[in-house]
N, C-alpha and C. Protein backbone atom coordinates (compact mmCIF):
# COMPACT_ATOMS: atom_id res chain seq x y z
N MET A 1 0.85 -1.19 0.00
CA MET A 1 0.00 0.00 0.00
C MET A 1 0.89 1.24 0.00
N SER A 2 0.51 2.26 -0.78
CA SER A 2 1.33 3.46 -0.89
C SER A 2 1.30 4.26 0.39
N ALA A 3 2.30 5.15 0.55
CA ALA A 3 2.35 5.99 1.74
C ALA A 3 1.14 6.89 1.81
N ALA A 4 0.67 7.37 0.65
CA ALA A 4 -0.49 8.26 0.65
C ALA A 4 -1.73 7.56 1.17
N ARG A 5 -1.89 6.26 0.83
CA ARG A 5 -3.05 5.53 1.30
C ARG A 5 -2.90 5.11 2.75
N ARG A 6 -1.65 4.90 3.20
CA ARG A 6 -1.44 4.51 4.60
C ARG A 6 -1.78 5.64 5.54
N ALA A 7 -1.51 6.90 5.10
CA ALA A 7 -1.77 8.04 5.97
C ALA A 7 -3.27 8.15 6.22
N PRO A 8 -3.71 8.24 7.48
CA PRO A 8 -5.13 8.28 7.78
C PRO A 8 -5.80 9.48 7.13
N SER A 9 -7.03 9.30 6.65
CA SER A 9 -7.76 10.41 6.06
C SER A 9 -8.31 11.29 7.16
N ARG A 10 -8.43 12.57 6.85
CA ARG A 10 -8.91 13.53 7.85
C ARG A 10 -10.02 14.38 7.25
N ALA A 11 -10.98 14.73 8.07
CA ALA A 11 -11.98 15.69 7.64
C ALA A 11 -11.32 17.06 7.59
N ALA A 12 -11.99 17.98 6.93
CA ALA A 12 -11.44 19.33 6.80
C ALA A 12 -11.19 19.93 8.18
N ARG A 13 -9.99 20.44 8.37
CA ARG A 13 -9.62 21.04 9.65
C ARG A 13 -8.36 21.86 9.43
N PRO A 14 -7.99 22.71 10.38
CA PRO A 14 -6.79 23.53 10.21
C PRO A 14 -5.56 22.66 9.94
N VAL A 15 -4.75 23.10 8.96
CA VAL A 15 -3.54 22.36 8.61
C VAL A 15 -2.52 22.47 9.73
N ARG A 16 -1.85 21.36 10.03
CA ARG A 16 -0.81 21.36 11.06
C ARG A 16 0.53 21.03 10.42
N TYR A 17 1.58 21.67 10.91
CA TYR A 17 2.93 21.45 10.41
C TYR A 17 3.87 21.14 11.57
N PHE A 18 4.97 20.46 11.22
CA PHE A 18 5.92 20.01 12.23
C PHE A 18 7.36 20.26 11.78
N ASP A 19 8.18 20.60 12.75
CA ASP A 19 9.63 20.72 12.52
C ASP A 19 10.21 19.31 12.62
N LEU A 20 10.79 18.85 11.52
CA LEU A 20 11.39 17.51 11.48
C LEU A 20 12.88 17.65 11.77
N HIS A 21 13.32 17.02 12.85
CA HIS A 21 14.73 17.13 13.19
C HIS A 21 15.26 15.80 13.73
N ASP A 22 16.54 15.78 13.96
CA ASP A 22 17.27 14.58 14.35
C ASP A 22 16.97 14.22 15.81
N ASP A 23 16.71 12.93 16.04
CA ASP A 23 16.52 12.45 17.41
C ASP A 23 17.89 12.06 17.97
N PHE A 24 18.52 13.01 18.63
CA PHE A 24 19.87 12.77 19.15
C PHE A 24 19.89 11.73 20.26
N ARG A 25 18.71 11.36 20.76
CA ARG A 25 18.65 10.38 21.84
C ARG A 25 18.48 8.95 21.33
N ALA A 26 18.38 8.78 20.00
CA ALA A 26 18.12 7.46 19.43
C ALA A 26 19.25 6.49 19.77
N PRO A 27 18.91 5.29 20.25
CA PRO A 27 19.94 4.29 20.58
C PRO A 27 20.76 3.91 19.34
N GLY A 28 22.06 3.80 19.52
CA GLY A 28 22.93 3.40 18.42
C GLY A 28 23.09 4.45 17.35
N ARG A 29 22.78 5.70 17.68
CA ARG A 29 22.89 6.77 16.69
C ARG A 29 24.33 6.96 16.23
N ARG A 30 24.51 7.09 14.91
CA ARG A 30 25.83 7.28 14.32
C ARG A 30 25.91 8.64 13.64
N GLU A 31 27.01 9.33 13.84
CA GLU A 31 27.19 10.67 13.29
C GLU A 31 27.61 10.60 11.83
N LEU A 32 26.90 11.34 10.98
CA LEU A 32 27.28 11.46 9.58
C LEU A 32 28.03 12.77 9.38
N GLY A 33 29.06 12.74 8.53
CA GLY A 33 29.83 13.93 8.25
C GLY A 33 29.23 14.75 7.12
N ASP A 34 29.69 16.00 6.97
CA ASP A 34 29.23 16.83 5.86
C ASP A 34 29.50 16.14 4.54
N PRO A 35 28.56 16.19 3.60
CA PRO A 35 28.78 15.55 2.30
C PRO A 35 29.97 16.18 1.58
N PHE A 36 30.70 15.34 0.82
CA PHE A 36 31.78 15.87 0.00
C PHE A 36 31.70 15.26 -1.39
N SER A 37 32.31 15.95 -2.35
CA SER A 37 32.24 15.53 -3.74
C SER A 37 33.28 14.46 -4.03
N LEU A 38 32.84 13.32 -4.57
CA LEU A 38 33.79 12.27 -4.94
C LEU A 38 34.61 12.68 -6.15
N GLU A 39 34.03 13.47 -7.03
CA GLU A 39 34.74 13.90 -8.23
C GLU A 39 35.82 14.91 -7.90
N ARG A 40 35.50 15.84 -6.99
CA ARG A 40 36.47 16.86 -6.61
C ARG A 40 37.36 16.42 -5.45
N LYS A 41 36.92 15.34 -4.78
CA LYS A 41 37.65 14.81 -3.62
C LYS A 41 37.83 15.87 -2.54
N LYS A 42 36.79 16.64 -2.32
CA LYS A 42 36.81 17.64 -1.25
C LYS A 42 35.38 17.98 -0.86
N LYS A 43 35.23 18.68 0.24
CA LYS A 43 33.91 19.10 0.68
C LYS A 43 33.32 20.07 -0.33
N VAL A 44 31.99 20.08 -0.41
CA VAL A 44 31.34 21.02 -1.32
C VAL A 44 31.61 22.44 -0.83
N ASP A 45 31.46 23.40 -1.75
CA ASP A 45 31.84 24.78 -1.44
C ASP A 45 31.08 25.32 -0.23
N SER A 46 29.81 24.97 -0.10
CA SER A 46 29.03 25.41 1.06
C SER A 46 28.01 24.35 1.42
N VAL A 47 28.14 23.78 2.61
CA VAL A 47 27.18 22.76 3.03
C VAL A 47 25.80 23.37 3.30
N TRP A 48 25.74 24.69 3.43
CA TRP A 48 24.46 25.34 3.71
C TRP A 48 23.54 25.34 2.50
N GLN A 49 24.08 25.04 1.31
CA GLN A 49 23.22 25.03 0.13
C GLN A 49 22.17 23.92 0.20
N PHE A 50 22.43 22.88 0.99
CA PHE A 50 21.47 21.79 1.13
C PHE A 50 20.27 22.18 2.00
N THR A 51 20.41 23.26 2.76
CA THR A 51 19.34 23.67 3.67
C THR A 51 18.88 25.10 3.41
N SER A 52 19.15 25.62 2.23
CA SER A 52 18.82 27.02 1.92
C SER A 52 17.42 27.18 1.35
N GLY A 53 16.73 26.06 1.06
CA GLY A 53 15.38 26.15 0.52
C GLY A 53 15.32 26.33 -0.98
N THR A 54 16.40 26.00 -1.68
CA THR A 54 16.45 26.10 -3.13
C THR A 54 17.09 24.84 -3.70
N PRO A 55 16.82 24.51 -4.99
CA PRO A 55 17.42 23.31 -5.59
C PRO A 55 18.94 23.41 -5.65
N VAL A 56 19.58 22.24 -5.66
CA VAL A 56 21.05 22.14 -5.71
C VAL A 56 21.44 21.57 -7.07
N ARG A 57 22.47 22.16 -7.69
CA ARG A 57 22.89 21.72 -9.02
C ARG A 57 24.40 21.48 -9.09
N GLY A 58 24.78 20.59 -10.00
CA GLY A 58 26.16 20.45 -10.42
C GLY A 58 27.17 19.98 -9.40
N LEU A 59 26.77 19.09 -8.50
CA LEU A 59 27.73 18.63 -7.48
C LEU A 59 28.29 17.25 -7.80
N GLY A 60 27.70 16.53 -8.75
CA GLY A 60 28.20 15.20 -9.08
C GLY A 60 27.94 14.21 -7.96
N LYS A 61 28.76 13.16 -7.91
CA LYS A 61 28.59 12.13 -6.90
C LYS A 61 29.01 12.64 -5.53
N LEU A 62 28.19 12.30 -4.53
CA LEU A 62 28.43 12.77 -3.17
C LEU A 62 28.63 11.60 -2.23
N ARG A 63 29.36 11.89 -1.14
CA ARG A 63 29.62 10.85 -0.16
C ARG A 63 29.65 11.47 1.23
N SER A 64 29.32 10.64 2.24
CA SER A 64 29.35 11.08 3.63
C SER A 64 30.00 10.00 4.49
N THR A 65 30.81 10.43 5.42
CA THR A 65 31.43 9.49 6.35
C THR A 65 30.47 9.21 7.50
N VAL A 66 30.73 8.13 8.23
CA VAL A 66 29.89 7.79 9.37
C VAL A 66 30.77 7.35 10.53
N GLN A 67 30.49 7.91 11.72
CA GLN A 67 31.24 7.59 12.93
C GLN A 67 30.28 7.30 14.09
N PRO A 68 30.51 6.20 14.80
CA PRO A 68 31.42 5.10 14.47
C PRO A 68 30.88 4.32 13.28
N PRO A 69 31.69 3.48 12.67
CA PRO A 69 31.23 2.72 11.50
C PRO A 69 29.99 1.92 11.80
N GLY A 70 29.15 1.75 10.80
CA GLY A 70 27.92 0.98 10.97
C GLY A 70 26.78 1.58 10.19
N ARG A 71 25.63 0.94 10.27
CA ARG A 71 24.46 1.40 9.53
C ARG A 71 23.86 2.63 10.21
N PRO A 72 23.74 3.74 9.49
CA PRO A 72 23.12 4.93 10.09
C PRO A 72 21.61 4.76 10.22
N LEU A 73 20.98 5.69 10.87
CA LEU A 73 19.53 5.66 11.05
C LEU A 73 18.84 6.01 9.73
N ASP A 74 17.52 5.86 9.71
CA ASP A 74 16.77 6.17 8.50
C ASP A 74 16.77 7.66 8.21
N PHE A 75 16.84 8.47 9.27
CA PHE A 75 16.87 9.93 9.11
C PHE A 75 17.97 10.49 10.00
N SER A 76 18.85 11.30 9.43
CA SER A 76 19.93 11.91 10.19
C SER A 76 20.18 13.32 9.66
N LEU A 77 20.69 14.19 10.53
CA LEU A 77 21.18 15.49 10.12
C LEU A 77 22.69 15.42 10.14
N ALA A 78 23.30 15.57 8.96
CA ALA A 78 24.73 15.30 8.81
C ALA A 78 25.58 16.55 8.95
N GLY A 79 26.65 16.41 9.73
CA GLY A 79 27.69 17.42 9.80
C GLY A 79 27.27 18.76 10.36
N ALA A 80 28.16 19.75 10.17
CA ALA A 80 27.92 21.10 10.68
C ALA A 80 26.77 21.77 9.96
N GLY A 81 26.52 21.36 8.71
CA GLY A 81 25.44 21.98 7.94
C GLY A 81 24.07 21.41 8.23
N LEU A 82 24.00 20.38 9.10
CA LEU A 82 22.73 19.74 9.45
C LEU A 82 21.96 19.32 8.19
N THR A 83 22.67 18.66 7.29
CA THR A 83 22.10 18.22 6.02
C THR A 83 21.25 16.96 6.24
N PRO A 84 19.99 16.97 5.85
CA PRO A 84 19.15 15.77 6.02
C PRO A 84 19.61 14.64 5.08
N VAL A 85 19.94 13.50 5.66
CA VAL A 85 20.31 12.31 4.89
C VAL A 85 19.32 11.22 5.27
N VAL A 86 18.67 10.64 4.25
CA VAL A 86 17.58 9.70 4.52
C VAL A 86 17.78 8.39 3.76
N HIS A 87 17.27 7.32 4.35
CA HIS A 87 17.29 6.01 3.70
C HIS A 87 16.31 6.03 2.52
N ALA A 88 16.49 5.09 1.59
CA ALA A 88 15.66 5.04 0.39
C ALA A 88 14.18 4.95 0.71
N ARG A 89 13.82 4.23 1.78
CA ARG A 89 12.39 4.08 2.08
C ARG A 89 11.79 5.38 2.60
N VAL A 90 12.61 6.22 3.22
CA VAL A 90 12.15 7.55 3.61
C VAL A 90 12.03 8.43 2.37
N ALA A 91 13.03 8.32 1.50
CA ALA A 91 13.01 9.10 0.26
C ALA A 91 11.77 8.79 -0.56
N SER A 92 11.33 7.53 -0.57
CA SER A 92 10.18 7.17 -1.37
C SER A 92 8.91 7.83 -0.86
N ILE A 93 8.81 8.03 0.45
CA ILE A 93 7.63 8.70 1.02
C ILE A 93 7.60 10.16 0.59
N PHE A 94 8.74 10.83 0.66
CA PHE A 94 8.79 12.23 0.23
C PHE A 94 8.56 12.34 -1.28
N ARG A 95 9.09 11.39 -2.03
CA ARG A 95 8.92 11.41 -3.48
C ARG A 95 7.45 11.25 -3.86
N GLU A 96 6.72 10.46 -3.09
CA GLU A 96 5.32 10.22 -3.39
C GLU A 96 4.41 11.34 -2.89
N LEU A 97 4.66 11.82 -1.67
CA LEU A 97 3.74 12.78 -1.06
C LEU A 97 4.08 14.23 -1.35
N ALA A 98 5.32 14.53 -1.68
CA ALA A 98 5.71 15.93 -1.92
C ALA A 98 6.69 16.04 -3.10
N PRO A 99 6.33 15.52 -4.27
CA PRO A 99 7.27 15.51 -5.40
C PRO A 99 7.68 16.89 -5.88
N ASP A 100 6.82 17.90 -5.67
CA ASP A 100 7.13 19.25 -6.14
C ASP A 100 7.87 20.09 -5.11
N ASP A 101 8.06 19.52 -3.92
CA ASP A 101 8.65 20.29 -2.82
C ASP A 101 10.06 19.84 -2.43
N VAL A 102 10.53 18.73 -3.02
CA VAL A 102 11.82 18.18 -2.59
C VAL A 102 12.69 17.80 -3.78
N GLN A 103 13.97 17.72 -3.50
CA GLN A 103 14.98 17.18 -4.43
C GLN A 103 15.74 16.11 -3.67
N LEU A 104 15.92 14.95 -4.28
CA LEU A 104 16.59 13.84 -3.61
C LEU A 104 17.88 13.52 -4.35
N LEU A 105 19.00 13.79 -3.68
CA LEU A 105 20.32 13.61 -4.28
C LEU A 105 20.95 12.34 -3.74
N PRO A 106 21.29 11.38 -4.60
CA PRO A 106 21.95 10.16 -4.11
C PRO A 106 23.26 10.50 -3.41
N VAL A 107 23.51 9.86 -2.26
CA VAL A 107 24.74 10.06 -1.52
C VAL A 107 25.23 8.71 -1.01
N GLU A 108 26.50 8.43 -1.23
CA GLU A 108 27.09 7.20 -0.70
C GLU A 108 27.43 7.42 0.77
N VAL A 109 27.03 6.48 1.59
CA VAL A 109 27.40 6.52 3.00
C VAL A 109 28.53 5.52 3.21
N GLU A 110 29.60 5.99 3.80
CA GLU A 110 30.82 5.17 3.97
C GLU A 110 30.51 3.80 4.58
N ASP A 111 31.05 2.76 3.94
CA ASP A 111 30.91 1.38 4.43
C ASP A 111 29.47 0.93 4.56
N CYS A 112 28.58 1.48 3.72
CA CYS A 112 27.17 1.11 3.76
C CYS A 112 26.69 0.85 2.34
N ASP A 113 26.17 -0.34 2.09
CA ASP A 113 25.72 -0.70 0.75
C ASP A 113 24.29 -0.26 0.45
N GLU A 114 23.55 0.14 1.46
CA GLU A 114 22.16 0.52 1.24
C GLU A 114 22.06 1.93 0.66
N PRO A 115 21.03 2.21 -0.14
CA PRO A 115 20.91 3.52 -0.79
C PRO A 115 20.43 4.61 0.18
N TYR A 116 21.10 5.75 0.12
CA TYR A 116 20.73 6.92 0.91
C TYR A 116 20.65 8.14 0.00
N PHE A 117 19.93 9.14 0.47
CA PHE A 117 19.73 10.36 -0.31
C PHE A 117 19.83 11.59 0.59
N ILE A 118 20.32 12.68 0.01
CA ILE A 118 20.24 13.97 0.67
C ILE A 118 18.87 14.55 0.34
N LEU A 119 18.13 14.93 1.37
CA LEU A 119 16.80 15.49 1.20
C LEU A 119 16.89 17.01 1.17
N VAL A 120 16.61 17.59 0.03
CA VAL A 120 16.66 19.05 -0.14
C VAL A 120 15.24 19.58 -0.27
N ALA A 121 14.83 20.44 0.65
CA ALA A 121 13.54 21.13 0.53
C ALA A 121 13.75 22.29 -0.42
N THR A 122 12.99 22.33 -1.50
CA THR A 122 13.24 23.31 -2.56
C THR A 122 12.32 24.53 -2.49
N ARG A 123 11.58 24.65 -1.40
CA ARG A 123 10.69 25.81 -1.25
C ARG A 123 11.07 26.58 0.00
N LEU A 124 11.13 27.91 -0.15
CA LEU A 124 11.44 28.81 0.95
C LEU A 124 10.23 29.70 1.14
N VAL A 125 9.58 29.60 2.31
CA VAL A 125 8.27 30.21 2.50
C VAL A 125 8.30 31.26 3.60
N HIS A 126 7.73 32.44 3.31
CA HIS A 126 7.57 33.49 4.32
C HIS A 126 6.36 33.14 5.17
N CYS A 127 6.56 32.56 6.32
CA CYS A 127 5.40 32.10 7.09
C CYS A 127 5.58 32.15 8.60
N ILE A 128 6.72 32.61 9.11
CA ILE A 128 6.91 32.64 10.56
C ILE A 128 5.97 33.66 11.18
N ASP A 129 5.28 33.24 12.22
CA ASP A 129 4.35 34.12 12.94
C ASP A 129 5.08 34.68 14.16
N ASP A 130 5.62 35.87 14.00
CA ASP A 130 6.44 36.48 15.06
C ASP A 130 5.69 36.58 16.38
N ARG A 131 4.40 36.91 16.32
CA ARG A 131 3.64 37.14 17.55
C ARG A 131 3.43 35.87 18.36
N LYS A 132 3.39 34.73 17.67
CA LYS A 132 3.10 33.48 18.38
C LYS A 132 4.36 32.71 18.77
N CYS A 133 5.52 33.10 18.24
CA CYS A 133 6.78 32.46 18.66
C CYS A 133 7.09 32.89 20.10
N ALA A 134 7.81 32.05 20.82
CA ALA A 134 8.20 32.40 22.19
C ALA A 134 9.13 33.60 22.19
N GLU A 135 10.02 33.66 21.20
CA GLU A 135 10.96 34.78 21.11
C GLU A 135 11.50 34.86 19.69
N VAL A 136 11.58 36.06 19.14
CA VAL A 136 12.23 36.27 17.85
C VAL A 136 13.10 37.53 17.93
N ARG A 137 14.23 37.46 17.30
CA ARG A 137 15.11 38.62 17.17
C ARG A 137 15.61 38.65 15.74
N ARG A 138 15.52 39.81 15.11
CA ARG A 138 15.96 39.97 13.73
C ARG A 138 17.26 40.77 13.67
N TYR A 139 18.01 40.55 12.59
CA TYR A 139 19.21 41.34 12.35
C TYR A 139 18.81 42.78 12.00
N THR A 140 19.56 43.72 12.53
CA THR A 140 19.34 45.14 12.26
C THR A 140 20.60 45.73 11.62
N PRO A 141 20.52 46.92 11.04
CA PRO A 141 21.72 47.54 10.46
C PRO A 141 22.86 47.68 11.46
N GLU A 142 22.52 47.81 12.75
CA GLU A 142 23.54 47.97 13.78
C GLU A 142 24.37 46.70 13.98
N ASP A 143 23.88 45.54 13.49
CA ASP A 143 24.62 44.29 13.66
C ASP A 143 25.80 44.18 12.69
N GLY A 144 25.88 45.09 11.72
CA GLY A 144 27.03 45.09 10.81
C GLY A 144 26.99 44.00 9.75
N ARG A 145 25.83 43.45 9.49
CA ARG A 145 25.68 42.43 8.45
C ARG A 145 24.53 42.82 7.54
N PRO A 146 24.78 43.75 6.63
CA PRO A 146 23.69 44.29 5.81
C PRO A 146 22.94 43.24 5.00
N GLU A 147 23.64 42.15 4.61
CA GLU A 147 22.98 41.11 3.83
C GLU A 147 21.98 40.30 4.65
N ARG A 148 22.05 40.44 5.98
CA ARG A 148 21.16 39.67 6.86
C ARG A 148 20.05 40.50 7.47
N VAL A 149 20.03 41.79 7.22
CA VAL A 149 19.02 42.66 7.83
C VAL A 149 17.62 42.16 7.48
N GLY A 150 16.80 42.02 8.51
CA GLY A 150 15.44 41.52 8.33
C GLY A 150 15.31 40.03 8.56
N HIS A 151 16.42 39.30 8.40
CA HIS A 151 16.40 37.87 8.68
C HIS A 151 16.40 37.65 10.20
N TYR A 152 16.10 36.42 10.59
CA TYR A 152 16.01 36.12 12.01
C TYR A 152 17.38 35.78 12.59
N ARG A 153 17.66 36.40 13.70
CA ARG A 153 18.91 36.11 14.42
C ARG A 153 18.67 35.03 15.46
N THR A 154 17.48 35.05 16.05
CA THR A 154 17.07 34.05 17.06
C THR A 154 15.59 33.76 16.89
N VAL A 155 15.25 32.49 16.95
CA VAL A 155 13.84 32.07 16.98
C VAL A 155 13.72 30.99 18.03
N ARG A 156 12.88 31.22 19.01
CA ARG A 156 12.61 30.21 20.04
C ARG A 156 11.11 29.94 20.04
N GLY A 157 10.77 28.66 20.19
CA GLY A 157 9.36 28.29 20.16
C GLY A 157 8.73 28.64 18.83
N LEU A 158 9.34 28.17 17.75
CA LEU A 158 8.90 28.50 16.39
C LEU A 158 7.42 28.21 16.18
N ARG A 159 6.73 29.20 15.61
CA ARG A 159 5.34 29.04 15.18
C ARG A 159 5.20 29.66 13.80
N ILE A 160 4.47 28.96 12.92
CA ILE A 160 4.25 29.49 11.58
C ILE A 160 2.76 29.72 11.37
N ASP A 161 2.45 30.51 10.34
CA ASP A 161 1.06 30.74 9.95
C ASP A 161 0.74 29.80 8.80
N PRO A 162 -0.06 28.75 9.02
CA PRO A 162 -0.33 27.77 7.96
C PRO A 162 -1.04 28.35 6.75
N GLU A 163 -1.69 29.51 6.92
CA GLU A 163 -2.38 30.13 5.80
C GLU A 163 -1.41 30.78 4.82
N LYS A 164 -0.12 30.86 5.21
CA LYS A 164 0.87 31.48 4.33
C LYS A 164 1.78 30.46 3.65
N THR A 165 1.47 29.18 3.77
CA THR A 165 2.34 28.14 3.21
C THR A 165 2.00 27.79 1.77
N ASP A 166 0.87 28.28 1.28
CA ASP A 166 0.45 28.01 -0.09
C ASP A 166 0.34 26.51 -0.37
N GLY A 167 -0.03 25.75 0.66
CA GLY A 167 -0.23 24.32 0.49
C GLY A 167 1.02 23.48 0.41
N ALA A 168 2.19 24.06 0.68
CA ALA A 168 3.43 23.29 0.63
C ALA A 168 3.41 22.18 1.66
N ARG A 169 4.00 21.03 1.31
CA ARG A 169 4.07 19.91 2.24
C ARG A 169 5.45 19.78 2.88
N VAL A 170 6.46 20.32 2.23
CA VAL A 170 7.82 20.34 2.77
C VAL A 170 8.44 21.68 2.38
N PHE A 171 9.07 22.36 3.35
CA PHE A 171 9.68 23.64 3.01
C PHE A 171 10.62 24.10 4.12
N ARG A 172 11.37 25.14 3.80
CA ARG A 172 12.19 25.85 4.78
C ARG A 172 11.51 27.21 5.03
N SER A 173 11.64 27.70 6.24
CA SER A 173 11.03 28.99 6.57
C SER A 173 11.99 30.13 6.24
N TRP A 174 11.49 31.10 5.49
CA TRP A 174 12.33 32.23 5.09
C TRP A 174 12.87 32.95 6.32
N GLY A 175 14.14 33.31 6.25
CA GLY A 175 14.77 34.03 7.35
C GLY A 175 15.27 33.14 8.46
N TRP A 176 14.81 31.89 8.49
CA TRP A 176 15.22 30.92 9.51
C TRP A 176 15.18 29.52 8.89
N PRO A 177 16.00 29.28 7.85
CA PRO A 177 15.91 28.02 7.10
C PRO A 177 16.46 26.81 7.83
N VAL A 178 16.97 26.99 9.04
CA VAL A 178 17.50 25.86 9.79
C VAL A 178 16.40 24.83 10.08
N SER A 179 15.15 25.27 10.08
CA SER A 179 14.04 24.37 10.37
C SER A 179 13.52 23.72 9.09
N LEU A 180 13.39 22.39 9.11
CA LEU A 180 12.80 21.64 8.01
C LEU A 180 11.35 21.34 8.40
N ILE A 181 10.40 21.95 7.69
CA ILE A 181 9.00 21.86 8.07
C ILE A 181 8.28 20.86 7.16
N VAL A 182 7.49 19.98 7.77
CA VAL A 182 6.72 19.00 7.00
C VAL A 182 5.26 19.04 7.45
N SER A 183 4.39 18.62 6.55
CA SER A 183 2.96 18.60 6.87
C SER A 183 2.62 17.43 7.78
N GLU A 184 1.44 17.50 8.36
CA GLU A 184 0.98 16.43 9.25
C GLU A 184 0.87 15.11 8.49
N GLY A 185 0.44 15.16 7.23
CA GLY A 185 0.32 13.94 6.44
C GLY A 185 1.64 13.22 6.27
N ILE A 186 2.70 13.97 6.03
CA ILE A 186 4.03 13.36 5.89
C ILE A 186 4.49 12.82 7.23
N LYS A 187 4.27 13.56 8.31
CA LYS A 187 4.62 13.07 9.64
C LYS A 187 3.96 11.73 9.91
N GLU A 188 2.68 11.63 9.62
CA GLU A 188 1.96 10.39 9.91
C GLU A 188 2.47 9.23 9.05
N ALA A 189 2.79 9.52 7.77
CA ALA A 189 3.31 8.47 6.89
C ALA A 189 4.67 7.98 7.38
N LEU A 190 5.53 8.87 7.83
CA LEU A 190 6.84 8.49 8.34
C LEU A 190 6.71 7.68 9.63
N GLU A 191 5.81 8.10 10.50
CA GLU A 191 5.60 7.36 11.74
C GLU A 191 5.03 5.98 11.45
N HIS A 192 4.11 5.90 10.52
CA HIS A 192 3.50 4.62 10.17
C HIS A 192 4.55 3.66 9.61
N ALA A 193 5.52 4.21 8.87
CA ALA A 193 6.58 3.39 8.29
C ALA A 193 7.61 2.96 9.33
N GLY A 194 7.55 3.54 10.52
CA GLY A 194 8.47 3.16 11.60
C GLY A 194 9.90 3.58 11.37
N ILE A 195 10.10 4.73 10.74
CA ILE A 195 11.47 5.16 10.48
C ILE A 195 12.19 5.51 11.78
N THR A 196 13.50 5.37 11.75
CA THR A 196 14.32 5.65 12.93
C THR A 196 15.06 6.97 12.76
N GLY A 197 15.30 7.64 13.90
CA GLY A 197 16.14 8.83 13.89
C GLY A 197 15.43 10.15 13.79
N ALA A 198 14.09 10.16 13.68
CA ALA A 198 13.37 11.41 13.48
C ALA A 198 12.58 11.82 14.72
N ARG A 199 12.51 13.13 14.93
CA ARG A 199 11.65 13.69 15.97
C ARG A 199 10.82 14.79 15.33
N PHE A 200 9.63 15.03 15.90
CA PHE A 200 8.73 16.03 15.36
C PHE A 200 8.30 17.00 16.46
N ALA A 201 8.32 18.28 16.15
CA ALA A 201 7.83 19.29 17.07
C ALA A 201 6.84 20.16 16.32
N GLU A 202 5.62 20.26 16.84
CA GLU A 202 4.60 21.02 16.12
C GLU A 202 4.95 22.50 16.10
N VAL A 203 4.72 23.14 14.96
CA VAL A 203 5.00 24.57 14.81
C VAL A 203 3.73 25.34 14.47
N THR A 204 2.59 24.66 14.54
CA THR A 204 1.29 25.33 14.44
C THR A 204 0.54 25.04 15.72
N GLU A 205 -0.40 25.88 16.02
CA GLU A 205 -1.16 25.68 17.25
C GLU A 205 -1.99 24.42 17.15
N ALA A 206 -2.01 23.66 18.21
CA ALA A 206 -2.84 22.46 18.24
C ALA A 206 -4.30 22.84 18.15
N PRO A 207 -5.12 22.03 17.49
CA PRO A 207 -6.55 22.35 17.40
C PRO A 207 -7.18 22.37 18.78
N PRO A 208 -8.14 23.27 19.00
CA PRO A 208 -8.77 23.35 20.33
C PRO A 208 -9.51 22.07 20.67
N LYS A 209 -9.48 21.73 21.94
CA LYS A 209 -10.17 20.53 22.38
C LYS A 209 -11.68 20.76 22.35
N LYS A 210 -12.36 19.72 21.89
CA LYS A 210 -13.82 19.83 21.82
C LYS A 210 -14.41 19.76 23.22
N GLN A 211 -15.41 20.60 23.42
CA GLN A 211 -16.09 20.59 24.71
C GLN A 211 -17.27 19.63 24.62
N HIS A 212 -17.26 18.62 25.49
CA HIS A 212 -18.35 17.64 25.47
C HIS A 212 -19.50 18.12 26.34
N ARG A 213 -20.66 18.13 25.74
CA ARG A 213 -21.85 18.53 26.50
C ARG A 213 -22.38 17.34 27.29
N ASN A 214 -22.95 17.65 28.41
CA ASN A 214 -23.53 16.58 29.23
C ASN A 214 -24.71 15.96 28.49
N ALA A 215 -24.71 14.65 28.46
CA ALA A 215 -25.77 13.95 27.74
C ALA A 215 -27.12 14.16 28.43
N ARG A 216 -27.09 14.23 29.76
CA ARG A 216 -28.33 14.40 30.50
C ARG A 216 -28.57 15.86 30.83
N ARG A 217 -29.77 16.31 30.56
CA ARG A 217 -30.11 17.68 30.90
C ARG A 217 -30.45 17.80 32.38
N LYS A 218 -30.07 18.90 32.91
CA LYS A 218 -30.37 19.13 34.33
C LYS A 218 -31.87 19.36 34.50
N SER A 219 -32.39 18.83 35.59
CA SER A 219 -33.83 19.03 35.86
C SER A 219 -34.06 20.49 36.25
N PRO A 220 -35.15 21.06 35.79
CA PRO A 220 -35.42 22.45 36.15
C PRO A 220 -35.60 22.61 37.65
N LYS A 221 -35.11 23.72 38.16
CA LYS A 221 -35.23 23.99 39.58
C LYS A 221 -36.69 24.27 39.93
N PRO A 222 -37.13 23.79 41.10
CA PRO A 222 -38.52 24.06 41.50
C PRO A 222 -38.75 25.54 41.72
N SER A 223 -39.88 26.03 41.29
CA SER A 223 -40.18 27.45 41.45
C SER A 223 -40.66 27.73 42.87
């Protein structure tokens, strides 16, 4: 059964999104290094290009080291650039559920015969809700980095406005691309598949709890 069919169907309701990140507490977790080019035999010019929210071109064959040696988890954030590296079965879920939102680059993992991919979110969305975040700080001209003015310097308790995502299922948030945001449908498909190494933190407000009315009506008070 496809990932789309495995994901439970939902009635119309507010869209929920989640920050997908590495579960550093996972047993047997192995560290992956920043990807490097096998053709150039050196690290790529900027590892941040994998998390910038735009497609990646012209890198050729890529490889990543793993420490200690062994099979990595299904989902990992590799190296200083926090590059998402996923097993083929994770890649297939993203390929099926969000084909227009991702780019999957084959990457060799050292001493591992199984197929892995670098997961690149190719959409950068202006959607952070400053008022609902726990804390936000933006770069100002006084910070001496004119190219960063207006971007976020600090974001704590990230919250986004789902009405500004234009229906994207996977994306990076403009001004704070460190966060990899996925829809609830993708979260459920990944959980159903039992992938290892992933954690989810909601970045939209949880739907309000329904108030249950008492089934029995109170008897009228005597006059």
